[in-house]
Amino acid sequence: MNTRICVYLSFIFLILSFPSLCLSDLKTVQGEYCGVYLGDMKNKKELDTFRKTVKTTSIENSLHQHTDPLKYVFSDECFSNVISSYLDKIVVINYTEKGRKICDKVKITFDPEVVDTYLRQEICISPLFGIRIGNLILAMS
């Protein structure tokens, strides 16, 4: 009985001493992207693929708002891993299709400490030394 009480009190002490272990602050950012579909409107498979690309790009754009584009250029693989594994919530705020123009606006929620730790790994920082502005990378020599 005393052992259980000691373990329980130790656990409570640990949580109160290090709240960041249990209750990290989440960050929410928004991003959007519009694209013009140039393929055959009757080809539903290709159109659905394009819709997914628009959504993924809007998520990437929101994640770029968190990262410092003037300091780091991250590999596409690491950005994809963050999107698939480290985002707590993805909410589509607005989706429009007007003719061939498809727009997606999303809100993502994530733990910035976890995402930053993952992206600051050496394998994630692109070997290209450059400055990222949106999806454009200006190479520096």
N, C-alpha and C. Protein backbone atom coordinates (compact mmCIF):
# COMPACT_ATOMS: atom_id res chain seq x y z
N MET A 1 0.82 -1.19 0.00
CA MET A 1 0.00 0.00 0.00
C MET A 1 0.87 1.26 0.00
N ASN A 2 1.91 1.27 0.84
CA ASN A 2 2.81 2.42 0.91
C ASN A 2 3.56 2.62 -0.40
N THR A 3 3.89 1.53 -1.06
CA THR A 3 4.60 1.62 -2.33
C THR A 3 3.73 2.30 -3.38
N ARG A 4 2.45 1.96 -3.43
CA ARG A 4 1.53 2.59 -4.39
C ARG A 4 1.40 4.09 -4.12
N ILE A 5 1.31 4.44 -2.87
CA ILE A 5 1.18 5.86 -2.51
C ILE A 5 2.45 6.61 -2.92
N CYS A 6 3.62 6.02 -2.67
CA CYS A 6 4.88 6.65 -3.05
C CYS A 6 4.98 6.83 -4.56
N VAL A 7 4.60 5.81 -5.31
CA VAL A 7 4.64 5.89 -6.77
C VAL A 7 3.68 6.96 -7.26
N TYR A 8 2.49 6.99 -6.69
CA TYR A 8 1.48 7.97 -7.07
C TYR A 8 1.96 9.39 -6.76
N LEU A 9 2.53 9.61 -5.58
CA LEU A 9 3.03 10.93 -5.21
C LEU A 9 4.22 11.33 -6.09
N SER A 10 5.05 10.38 -6.40
CA SER A 10 6.20 10.66 -7.28
C SER A 10 5.71 11.08 -8.67
N PHE A 11 4.69 10.40 -9.15
CA PHE A 11 4.12 10.72 -10.45
C PHE A 11 3.54 12.14 -10.45
N ILE A 12 2.79 12.48 -9.42
CA ILE A 12 2.21 13.81 -9.28
C ILE A 12 3.32 14.86 -9.21
N PHE A 13 4.36 14.58 -8.44
CA PHE A 13 5.49 15.50 -8.33
C PHE A 13 6.15 15.72 -9.68
N LEU A 14 6.33 14.66 -10.44
CA LEU A 14 6.95 14.74 -11.76
C LEU A 14 6.12 15.61 -12.70
N ILE A 15 4.83 15.42 -12.70
CA ILE A 15 3.94 16.20 -13.57
C ILE A 15 3.97 17.68 -13.18
N LEU A 16 3.96 17.96 -11.88
CA LEU A 16 3.98 19.35 -11.43
C LEU A 16 5.34 20.00 -11.65
N SER A 17 6.40 19.23 -11.58
CA SER A 17 7.75 19.77 -11.75
C SER A 17 8.07 20.06 -13.21
N PHE A 18 7.58 19.22 -14.11
CA PHE A 18 7.89 19.35 -15.53
C PHE A 18 6.60 19.35 -16.36
N PRO A 19 5.83 20.42 -16.29
CA PRO A 19 4.56 20.42 -17.03
C PRO A 19 4.76 20.38 -18.53
N SER A 20 5.91 20.81 -19.03
CA SER A 20 6.12 20.81 -20.47
C SER A 20 6.20 19.38 -21.03
N LEU A 21 6.49 18.41 -20.17
CA LEU A 21 6.50 17.02 -20.63
C LEU A 21 5.10 16.54 -20.99
N CYS A 22 4.12 17.04 -20.28
CA CYS A 22 2.75 16.56 -20.47
C CYS A 22 1.88 17.55 -21.20
N LEU A 23 2.12 18.81 -21.01
CA LEU A 23 1.24 19.83 -21.55
C LEU A 23 2.02 20.82 -22.41
N SER A 24 2.46 20.40 -23.56
CA SER A 24 3.17 21.33 -24.42
C SER A 24 2.15 22.20 -25.15
N ASP A 25 2.57 23.41 -25.45
CA ASP A 25 1.69 24.35 -26.13
C ASP A 25 1.58 23.98 -27.60
N LEU A 26 0.37 23.93 -28.08
CA LEU A 26 0.13 23.66 -29.48
C LEU A 26 0.02 24.97 -30.24
N LYS A 27 0.39 24.93 -31.48
CA LYS A 27 0.34 26.12 -32.33
C LYS A 27 -0.60 25.84 -33.48
N THR A 28 -1.39 26.84 -33.86
CA THR A 28 -2.31 26.71 -34.98
C THR A 28 -1.99 27.78 -36.01
N VAL A 29 -1.81 27.37 -37.25
CA VAL A 29 -1.55 28.30 -38.35
C VAL A 29 -2.45 27.94 -39.53
N GLN A 30 -2.65 28.91 -40.40
CA GLN A 30 -3.47 28.70 -41.58
C GLN A 30 -2.64 28.85 -42.84
N GLY A 31 -3.08 28.17 -43.87
CA GLY A 31 -2.43 28.29 -45.17
C GLY A 31 -3.44 28.03 -46.26
N GLU A 32 -3.12 28.52 -47.44
CA GLU A 32 -4.02 28.29 -48.55
C GLU A 32 -3.23 28.15 -49.85
N TYR A 33 -3.89 27.58 -50.82
CA TYR A 33 -3.27 27.40 -52.13
C TYR A 33 -4.39 27.27 -53.17
N CYS A 34 -4.18 27.88 -54.32
CA CYS A 34 -5.09 27.75 -55.45
C CYS A 34 -4.29 27.24 -56.64
N GLY A 35 -4.88 26.33 -57.38
CA GLY A 35 -4.25 25.81 -58.58
C GLY A 35 -5.26 25.72 -59.70
N VAL A 36 -4.76 25.78 -60.92
CA VAL A 36 -5.63 25.66 -62.09
C VAL A 36 -5.38 24.30 -62.71
N TYR A 37 -6.43 23.52 -62.80
CA TYR A 37 -6.36 22.17 -63.37
C TYR A 37 -6.39 22.27 -64.88
N LEU A 38 -5.35 21.75 -65.52
CA LEU A 38 -5.24 21.84 -66.97
C LEU A 38 -5.56 20.53 -67.68
N GLY A 39 -5.91 19.52 -66.92
CA GLY A 39 -6.19 18.20 -67.50
C GLY A 39 -7.63 18.08 -67.97
N ASP A 40 -7.99 16.86 -68.31
CA ASP A 40 -9.33 16.54 -68.78
C ASP A 40 -10.29 16.50 -67.60
N MET A 41 -11.33 17.33 -67.61
CA MET A 41 -12.29 17.40 -66.51
C MET A 41 -13.08 16.11 -66.36
N LYS A 42 -13.12 15.29 -67.39
CA LYS A 42 -13.86 14.02 -67.33
C LYS A 42 -13.03 12.91 -66.68
N ASN A 43 -11.72 13.12 -66.58
CA ASN A 43 -10.83 12.13 -65.97
C ASN A 43 -10.86 12.33 -64.44
N LYS A 44 -11.78 11.64 -63.77
CA LYS A 44 -12.00 11.84 -62.33
C LYS A 44 -10.79 11.46 -61.49
N LYS A 45 -10.06 10.43 -61.89
CA LYS A 45 -8.90 9.99 -61.13
C LYS A 45 -7.81 11.07 -61.14
N GLU A 46 -7.55 11.62 -62.29
CA GLU A 46 -6.54 12.67 -62.42
C GLU A 46 -6.99 13.94 -61.68
N LEU A 47 -8.27 14.26 -61.78
CA LEU A 47 -8.82 15.43 -61.09
C LEU A 47 -8.73 15.27 -59.57
N ASP A 48 -9.03 14.08 -59.06
CA ASP A 48 -8.92 13.82 -57.62
C ASP A 48 -7.47 13.93 -57.15
N THR A 49 -6.54 13.45 -57.97
CA THR A 49 -5.12 13.57 -57.64
C THR A 49 -4.73 15.04 -57.54
N PHE A 50 -5.23 15.85 -58.48
CA PHE A 50 -4.94 17.29 -58.45
C PHE A 50 -5.53 17.94 -57.20
N ARG A 51 -6.74 17.54 -56.82
CA ARG A 51 -7.37 18.08 -55.60
C ARG A 51 -6.52 17.77 -54.37
N LYS A 52 -6.00 16.54 -54.30
CA LYS A 52 -5.14 16.16 -53.17
C LYS A 52 -3.85 16.97 -53.16
N THR A 53 -3.32 17.25 -54.35
CA THR A 53 -2.11 18.06 -54.46
C THR A 53 -2.36 19.48 -53.97
N VAL A 54 -3.51 20.04 -54.30
CA VAL A 54 -3.87 21.38 -53.83
C VAL A 54 -3.96 21.39 -52.31
N LYS A 55 -4.59 20.37 -51.73
CA LYS A 55 -4.72 20.31 -50.27
C LYS A 55 -3.35 20.16 -49.61
N THR A 56 -2.52 19.28 -50.14
CA THR A 56 -1.18 19.07 -49.57
C THR A 56 -0.36 20.35 -49.65
N THR A 57 -0.46 21.06 -50.76
CA THR A 57 0.29 22.31 -50.91
C THR A 57 -0.21 23.37 -49.94
N SER A 58 -1.50 23.43 -49.68
CA SER A 58 -2.02 24.39 -48.70
C SER A 58 -1.52 24.04 -47.29
N ILE A 59 -1.41 22.75 -46.99
CA ILE A 59 -0.86 22.33 -45.69
C ILE A 59 0.61 22.70 -45.60
N GLU A 60 1.36 22.48 -46.68
CA GLU A 60 2.77 22.86 -46.71
C GLU A 60 2.93 24.36 -46.52
N ASN A 61 2.08 25.14 -47.18
CA ASN A 61 2.15 26.60 -47.04
C ASN A 61 1.91 27.03 -45.60
N SER A 62 0.99 26.38 -44.90
CA SER A 62 0.76 26.73 -43.51
C SER A 62 1.96 26.35 -42.65
N LEU A 63 2.58 25.22 -42.96
CA LEU A 63 3.76 24.80 -42.20
C LEU A 63 4.94 25.74 -42.46
N HIS A 64 5.04 26.26 -43.68
CA HIS A 64 6.10 27.22 -44.00
C HIS A 64 5.97 28.50 -43.17
N GLN A 65 4.76 28.84 -42.74
CA GLN A 65 4.58 30.02 -41.90
C GLN A 65 5.24 29.81 -40.54
N HIS A 66 5.34 28.58 -40.10
CA HIS A 66 5.97 28.30 -38.81
C HIS A 66 7.48 28.28 -38.92
N THR A 67 7.99 27.69 -39.99
CA THR A 67 9.44 27.58 -40.15
C THR A 67 10.00 28.91 -40.61
N ASP A 68 11.26 29.13 -40.33
CA ASP A 68 11.91 30.38 -40.72
C ASP A 68 12.48 30.22 -42.12
N PRO A 69 11.81 30.78 -43.13
CA PRO A 69 12.25 30.57 -44.51
C PRO A 69 13.58 31.23 -44.83
N LEU A 70 14.04 32.17 -44.02
CA LEU A 70 15.30 32.83 -44.30
C LEU A 70 16.50 32.10 -43.71
N LYS A 71 16.24 31.11 -42.84
CA LYS A 71 17.36 30.40 -42.22
C LYS A 71 17.54 28.99 -42.77
N TYR A 72 16.45 28.31 -43.08
CA TYR A 72 16.56 26.90 -43.43
C TYR A 72 15.75 26.56 -44.68
N VAL A 73 16.28 25.63 -45.44
CA VAL A 73 15.54 25.02 -46.55
C VAL A 73 15.47 23.54 -46.21
N PHE A 74 14.26 23.01 -46.05
CA PHE A 74 14.07 21.64 -45.62
C PHE A 74 13.80 20.73 -46.81
N SER A 75 14.21 19.49 -46.68
CA SER A 75 13.97 18.52 -47.75
C SER A 75 12.48 18.23 -47.85
N ASP A 76 12.03 17.91 -49.05
CA ASP A 76 10.62 17.60 -49.27
C ASP A 76 10.20 16.36 -48.49
N GLU A 77 11.10 15.40 -48.36
CA GLU A 77 10.79 14.16 -47.63
C GLU A 77 10.49 14.46 -46.16
N CYS A 78 11.29 15.33 -45.54
CA CYS A 78 11.05 15.66 -44.13
C CYS A 78 9.75 16.43 -43.96
N PHE A 79 9.46 17.33 -44.90
CA PHE A 79 8.20 18.07 -44.84
C PHE A 79 7.02 17.10 -44.97
N SER A 80 7.13 16.13 -45.86
CA SER A 80 6.07 15.12 -46.02
C SER A 80 5.90 14.30 -44.75
N ASN A 81 7.01 13.96 -44.10
CA ASN A 81 6.94 13.20 -42.85
C ASN A 81 6.26 14.01 -41.74
N VAL A 82 6.54 15.30 -41.67
CA VAL A 82 5.87 16.14 -40.68
C VAL A 82 4.37 16.14 -40.94
N ILE A 83 3.98 16.30 -42.20
CA ILE A 83 2.56 16.34 -42.54
C ILE A 83 1.87 15.02 -42.21
N SER A 84 2.53 13.92 -42.49
CA SER A 84 1.88 12.62 -42.27
C SER A 84 1.95 12.15 -40.82
N SER A 85 2.93 12.64 -40.03
CA SER A 85 3.13 12.06 -38.70
C SER A 85 3.07 13.04 -37.52
N TYR A 86 3.30 14.32 -37.75
CA TYR A 86 3.48 15.22 -36.62
C TYR A 86 2.41 16.31 -36.48
N LEU A 87 1.41 16.31 -37.32
CA LEU A 87 0.35 17.29 -37.19
C LEU A 87 -0.77 16.70 -36.34
N ASP A 88 -1.22 17.47 -35.35
CA ASP A 88 -2.27 16.98 -34.47
C ASP A 88 -3.64 17.09 -35.11
N LYS A 89 -3.84 18.13 -35.91
CA LYS A 89 -5.16 18.36 -36.47
C LYS A 89 -5.04 19.12 -37.78
N ILE A 90 -5.82 18.71 -38.77
CA ILE A 90 -5.91 19.42 -40.04
C ILE A 90 -7.40 19.68 -40.30
N VAL A 91 -7.76 20.95 -40.45
CA VAL A 91 -9.15 21.32 -40.68
C VAL A 91 -9.21 22.12 -41.98
N VAL A 92 -10.08 21.70 -42.90
CA VAL A 92 -10.30 22.47 -44.11
C VAL A 92 -11.27 23.59 -43.77
N ILE A 93 -10.80 24.83 -43.89
CA ILE A 93 -11.62 25.99 -43.56
C ILE A 93 -12.50 26.37 -44.75
N ASN A 94 -11.90 26.32 -45.94
CA ASN A 94 -12.65 26.72 -47.13
C ASN A 94 -12.12 25.93 -48.32
N TYR A 95 -13.05 25.47 -49.13
CA TYR A 95 -12.70 24.74 -50.35
C TYR A 95 -13.61 25.28 -51.46
N THR A 96 -12.99 25.72 -52.55
CA THR A 96 -13.79 26.21 -53.68
C THR A 96 -13.29 25.63 -54.98
N GLU A 97 -14.23 25.40 -55.85
CA GLU A 97 -13.94 24.96 -57.21
C GLU A 97 -14.77 25.83 -58.14
N LYS A 98 -14.09 26.65 -58.92
CA LYS A 98 -14.77 27.51 -59.89
C LYS A 98 -14.15 27.21 -61.25
N GLY A 99 -14.87 26.45 -62.03
CA GLY A 99 -14.32 26.03 -63.32
C GLY A 99 -13.12 25.13 -63.09
N ARG A 100 -11.99 25.56 -63.59
CA ARG A 100 -10.76 24.78 -63.44
C ARG A 100 -9.91 25.23 -62.25
N LYS A 101 -10.30 26.32 -61.59
CA LYS A 101 -9.54 26.84 -60.46
C LYS A 101 -10.03 26.16 -59.18
N ILE A 102 -9.09 25.54 -58.46
CA ILE A 102 -9.40 24.83 -57.22
C ILE A 102 -8.58 25.47 -56.10
N CYS A 103 -9.27 25.88 -55.03
CA CYS A 103 -8.62 26.53 -53.89
C CYS A 103 -8.94 25.77 -52.61
N ASP A 104 -7.94 25.72 -51.74
CA ASP A 104 -8.09 25.03 -50.47
C ASP A 104 -7.44 25.89 -49.40
N LYS A 105 -8.16 26.13 -48.31
CA LYS A 105 -7.61 26.86 -47.17
C LYS A 105 -7.74 25.95 -45.97
N VAL A 106 -6.61 25.73 -45.27
CA VAL A 106 -6.59 24.80 -44.15
C VAL A 106 -6.04 25.48 -42.90
N LYS A 107 -6.37 24.86 -41.77
CA LYS A 107 -5.82 25.27 -40.48
C LYS A 107 -5.20 24.02 -39.88
N ILE A 108 -3.92 24.11 -39.50
CA ILE A 108 -3.24 22.96 -38.90
C ILE A 108 -2.85 23.28 -37.47
N THR A 109 -2.87 22.26 -36.63
CA THR A 109 -2.48 22.39 -35.23
C THR A 109 -1.38 21.36 -34.98
N PHE A 110 -0.32 21.82 -34.30
CA PHE A 110 0.83 20.94 -34.04
C PHE A 110 1.61 21.43 -32.84
N ASP A 111 2.49 20.58 -32.35
CA ASP A 111 3.39 20.94 -31.26
C ASP A 111 4.68 21.49 -31.89
N PRO A 112 4.93 22.79 -31.77
CA PRO A 112 6.09 23.38 -32.44
C PRO A 112 7.43 22.82 -31.97
N GLU A 113 7.52 22.43 -30.69
CA GLU A 113 8.78 21.86 -30.20
C GLU A 113 9.09 20.55 -30.90
N VAL A 114 8.08 19.71 -31.08
CA VAL A 114 8.29 18.41 -31.72
C VAL A 114 8.64 18.60 -33.19
N VAL A 115 7.90 19.47 -33.87
CA VAL A 115 8.15 19.72 -35.29
C VAL A 115 9.54 20.33 -35.49
N ASP A 116 9.90 21.31 -34.67
CA ASP A 116 11.22 21.93 -34.79
C ASP A 116 12.34 20.93 -34.54
N THR A 117 12.18 20.10 -33.53
CA THR A 117 13.21 19.09 -33.23
C THR A 117 13.40 18.15 -34.42
N TYR A 118 12.29 17.74 -35.01
CA TYR A 118 12.38 16.85 -36.17
C TYR A 118 13.02 17.55 -37.36
N LEU A 119 12.59 18.77 -37.67
CA LEU A 119 13.10 19.46 -38.85
C LEU A 119 14.54 19.93 -38.71
N ARG A 120 15.02 20.11 -37.50
CA ARG A 120 16.40 20.59 -37.30
C ARG A 120 17.43 19.46 -37.38
N GLN A 121 16.97 18.25 -37.66
CA GLN A 121 17.92 17.15 -37.85
C GLN A 121 18.76 17.44 -39.10
N GLU A 122 19.95 16.97 -39.07
CA GLU A 122 20.86 17.21 -40.20
C GLU A 122 20.31 16.65 -41.51
N ILE A 123 19.61 15.51 -41.44
CA ILE A 123 19.10 14.92 -42.67
C ILE A 123 17.95 15.72 -43.27
N CYS A 124 17.32 16.59 -42.48
CA CYS A 124 16.18 17.36 -42.99
C CYS A 124 16.59 18.67 -43.64
N ILE A 125 17.72 19.21 -43.23
CA ILE A 125 18.14 20.49 -43.79
C ILE A 125 18.77 20.22 -45.14
N SER A 126 18.21 20.87 -46.15
CA SER A 126 18.63 20.64 -47.53
C SER A 126 20.09 21.01 -47.72
N PRO A 127 20.83 20.22 -48.50
CA PRO A 127 22.23 20.55 -48.76
C PRO A 127 22.37 21.82 -49.59
N LEU A 128 21.30 22.19 -50.29
CA LEU A 128 21.32 23.42 -51.06
C LEU A 128 21.27 24.59 -50.10
N PHE A 129 22.25 25.46 -50.16
CA PHE A 129 22.23 26.64 -49.33
C PHE A 129 21.47 27.71 -50.08
N GLY A 130 20.33 28.08 -49.55
CA GLY A 130 19.53 29.06 -50.25
C GLY A 130 18.48 29.66 -49.35
N ILE A 131 17.70 30.51 -49.94
CA ILE A 131 16.62 31.18 -49.23
C ILE A 131 15.31 30.74 -49.85
N ARG A 132 14.37 30.32 -49.01
CA ARG A 132 13.07 29.89 -49.50
C ARG A 132 12.08 31.05 -49.36
N ILE A 133 11.39 31.35 -50.46
CA ILE A 133 10.31 32.32 -50.45
C ILE A 133 9.11 31.60 -51.01
N GLY A 134 8.18 31.19 -50.12
CA GLY A 134 7.05 30.36 -50.55
C GLY A 134 7.59 29.05 -51.05
N ASN A 135 7.24 28.67 -52.27
CA ASN A 135 7.75 27.43 -52.85
C ASN A 135 8.98 27.68 -53.72
N LEU A 136 9.47 28.90 -53.77
CA LEU A 136 10.61 29.27 -54.59
C LEU A 136 11.88 29.25 -53.74
N ILE A 137 12.95 28.65 -54.25
CA ILE A 137 14.24 28.63 -53.54
C ILE A 137 15.24 29.43 -54.36
N LEU A 138 15.81 30.46 -53.75
CA LEU A 138 16.84 31.25 -54.40
C LEU A 138 18.19 30.72 -53.93
N ALA A 139 18.95 30.15 -54.85
CA ALA A 139 20.24 29.55 -54.49
C ALA A 139 21.26 30.64 -54.25
N MET A 140 22.08 30.43 -53.24
CA MET A 140 23.14 31.36 -52.90
C MET A 140 24.48 30.69 -53.19
N SER A 141 25.42 31.44 -53.69
CA SER A 141 26.73 30.85 -53.95
C SER A 141 27.81 31.57 -53.20
